[in-house]
Amino acid sequence: QKIHLKSICLQYQLYLLLNSHFFCLLKNGMGLIILCAYVPKTEAGHCKWAEVLKDLEKIKTSKDIDVSLYTANTDEDVKCQEPVMRCFFLETEVIIQECRIKNCSETQDVVNIWKNGNASLENKKLNSTTSAKCKECEEYEEKSFTEFIQSFVKVIQRDCK
């Protein structure tokens, strides 16, 4: 005898299983109810800097932004990753000022980079022993906006691995 399972799950809720917890009951031919749980997508593969990367892509070809910025080395010691990230986000404030002066179309994208970066870094306290071994932002060489963005992207991608 075949056992047929009847689902009392609603069709539209299949979409929800991709984004949230979803439970459904299945009833077989003999009346036995089976509880199924669909686990949501995890954020494990999600980089916390994904939104920053998207905005960096939007501004990287801007013709309005013409500034020299302190640019951390992409090959900096891993122990210095956090101070390096802080330096890049600090320098976005300079870009924001430049954009406000020149009324660039990318101003909101730059503000988003700054806000998202600071929100992610805010929760972390900088370890004073680590930061003592790392360069201050102003110790790095000043580079063009284009070189700054390229380095910023590389550092973020390295942090996301």
Protein backbone atom coordinates (compact mmCIF):
# COMPACT_ATOMS: atom_id res chain seq x y z
CA GLN A 1 0.00 0.00 0.00
CA LYS A 2 1.29 3.43 -0.93
CA ILE A 3 1.47 6.07 1.74
CA HIS A 4 0.46 9.47 0.44
CA LEU A 5 1.58 12.55 2.31
CA LYS A 6 -0.71 15.54 2.31
CA SER A 7 0.84 18.85 3.10
CA ILE A 8 -1.16 21.48 4.91
CA CYS A 9 1.55 24.04 4.13
CA LEU A 10 0.40 26.92 2.01
CA GLN A 11 1.97 27.31 -1.42
CA TYR A 12 3.01 30.94 -1.02
CA GLN A 13 4.98 30.10 2.09
CA LEU A 14 7.59 28.23 0.06
CA TYR A 15 9.10 31.63 -0.61
CA LEU A 16 9.41 32.18 3.13
CA LEU A 17 11.53 29.10 3.67
CA LEU A 18 14.38 30.90 1.93
CA ASN A 19 14.26 33.82 4.32
CA SER A 20 12.77 32.73 7.63
CA HIS A 21 11.92 29.88 9.96
CA PHE A 22 9.02 27.90 8.63
CA PHE A 23 7.28 24.93 10.13
CA CYS A 24 4.76 22.70 8.44
CA LEU A 25 2.73 19.66 9.31
CA LEU A 26 2.52 16.64 7.03
CA LYS A 27 -0.16 14.03 7.49
CA ASN A 28 0.20 10.59 5.98
CA GLY A 29 -2.59 8.24 4.99
CA MET A 30 -2.82 6.68 8.46
CA GLY A 31 -3.25 10.04 10.18
CA LEU A 32 0.29 10.33 11.51
CA ILE A 33 1.39 13.96 11.70
CA ILE A 34 5.00 14.76 10.95
CA LEU A 35 6.47 18.14 11.84
CA CYS A 36 8.96 19.54 9.34
CA ALA A 37 11.18 22.49 10.06
CA TYR A 38 12.84 24.47 7.33
CA VAL A 39 15.93 26.22 8.57
CA PRO A 40 16.58 29.71 7.26
CA LYS A 41 19.48 30.71 5.05
CA THR A 42 22.42 31.43 7.28
CA GLU A 43 24.50 34.55 7.18
CA ALA A 44 27.67 32.46 7.46
CA GLY A 45 28.63 33.06 3.86
CA HIS A 46 27.58 36.68 4.03
CA CYS A 47 30.31 39.27 4.37
CA LYS A 48 29.49 42.05 6.83
CA TRP A 49 31.05 44.49 4.36
CA ALA A 50 28.83 43.46 1.40
CA GLU A 51 26.89 46.74 1.40
CA VAL A 52 30.13 48.72 1.60
CA LEU A 53 31.51 46.81 -1.39
CA LYS A 54 28.36 47.59 -3.41
CA ASP A 55 28.70 51.30 -2.65
CA LEU A 56 32.43 51.28 -3.42
CA GLU A 57 31.59 49.85 -6.83
CA LYS A 58 29.15 52.72 -7.40
CA ILE A 59 31.66 55.45 -6.60
CA LYS A 60 34.89 54.01 -7.99
CA THR A 61 34.54 55.64 -11.40
CA SER A 62 33.43 59.05 -10.12
CA LYS A 63 34.87 61.99 -12.03
CA ASP A 64 33.70 64.42 -9.32
CA ILE A 65 35.98 63.12 -6.59
CA ASP A 66 39.55 64.30 -6.92
CA VAL A 67 41.32 63.99 -3.58
CA SER A 68 44.47 62.46 -2.17
CA LEU A 69 43.79 60.12 0.71
CA TYR A 70 45.89 58.27 3.25
CA THR A 71 45.83 54.75 1.86
CA ALA A 72 46.73 51.80 4.05
CA ASN A 73 48.81 49.01 2.55
CA THR A 74 46.82 46.02 1.38
CA ASP A 75 49.59 43.70 2.62
CA GLU A 76 49.50 45.02 6.18
CA ASP A 77 49.85 42.46 8.99
CA VAL A 78 46.58 40.62 9.70
CA LYS A 79 46.83 41.83 13.31
CA CYS A 80 46.46 45.36 11.94
CA GLN A 81 43.32 44.59 9.92
CA GLU A 82 41.00 46.51 12.22
CA PRO A 83 43.11 49.72 12.42
CA VAL A 84 43.50 49.53 8.63
CA MET A 85 39.71 49.30 8.21
CA ARG A 86 39.25 52.21 10.60
CA CYS A 87 41.68 54.24 8.51
CA PHE A 88 39.75 53.59 5.30
CA PHE A 89 36.45 54.55 6.92
CA LEU A 90 38.03 57.64 8.47
CA GLU A 91 39.20 58.74 5.04
CA THR A 92 35.66 58.39 3.67
CA GLU A 93 34.86 61.47 5.77
CA VAL A 94 37.30 63.41 3.56
CA ILE A 95 35.47 62.09 0.49
CA ILE A 96 32.13 63.16 2.00
CA GLN A 97 33.45 66.69 2.48
CA GLU A 98 34.78 66.76 -1.08
CA CYS A 99 31.41 65.56 -2.40
CA ARG A 100 29.51 68.19 -0.45
CA ILE A 101 31.78 70.93 -1.82
CA LYS A 102 31.48 69.71 -5.42
CA ASN A 103 27.88 68.51 -5.08
CA CYS A 104 28.73 65.03 -6.43
CA SER A 105 26.00 62.65 -7.43
CA GLU A 106 27.68 59.92 -5.34
CA THR A 107 27.45 61.79 -2.00
CA GLN A 108 24.79 59.45 -0.57
CA ASP A 109 26.78 56.35 -1.57
CA VAL A 110 29.84 57.71 0.25
CA VAL A 111 27.74 58.55 3.32
CA ASN A 112 26.37 54.97 3.23
CA ILE A 113 29.92 53.58 3.16
CA TRP A 114 30.85 55.69 6.17
CA LYS A 115 27.68 54.78 8.13
CA ASN A 116 27.89 51.04 7.39
CA GLY A 117 31.58 50.94 8.25
CA ASN A 118 31.21 52.79 11.50
CA ALA A 119 28.24 50.67 12.52
CA SER A 120 30.31 47.50 12.04
CA LEU A 121 33.39 48.88 13.76
CA GLU A 122 31.54 50.62 16.59
CA ASN A 123 30.88 47.39 18.45
CA LYS A 124 34.55 46.46 18.48
CA LYS A 125 36.96 48.05 20.90
CA LEU A 126 40.40 48.51 19.42
CA ASN A 127 42.96 46.44 21.30
CA SER A 128 45.63 48.91 22.49
CA THR A 129 48.50 46.40 22.27
CA THR A 130 47.60 45.55 18.68
CA SER A 131 47.09 49.16 17.64
CA ALA A 132 50.45 50.15 19.17
CA LYS A 133 52.20 47.88 16.65
CA CYS A 134 50.17 49.21 13.73
CA LYS A 135 50.61 52.42 11.78
CA GLU A 136 48.47 55.47 12.37
CA CYS A 137 46.34 56.44 9.39
CA GLU A 138 48.43 59.56 8.74
CA GLU A 139 51.59 57.45 8.48
CA TYR A 140 50.41 55.90 5.23
CA GLU A 141 51.20 57.40 1.85
CA GLU A 142 48.65 59.72 0.28
CA LYS A 143 47.30 58.24 -2.94
CA SER A 144 44.75 59.18 -5.56
CA PHE A 145 41.06 58.46 -5.11
CA THR A 146 41.24 55.60 -7.64
CA GLU A 147 44.16 53.91 -5.86
CA PHE A 148 42.43 54.44 -2.51
CA ILE A 149 39.25 52.70 -3.71
CA GLN A 150 41.23 49.79 -5.21
CA SER A 151 43.09 49.26 -1.93
CA PHE A 152 39.90 49.64 0.11
CA VAL A 153 38.18 46.93 -1.96
CA LYS A 154 41.17 44.56 -1.60
CA VAL A 155 41.27 45.01 2.18
CA ILE A 156 37.54 44.38 2.51
CA GLN A 157 37.69 41.32 0.28
CA ARG A 158 40.56 39.94 2.36
CA ASP A 159 38.51 40.48 5.54
CA CYS A 160 35.54 38.65 3.99
CA LYS A 161 37.47 35.46 3.26
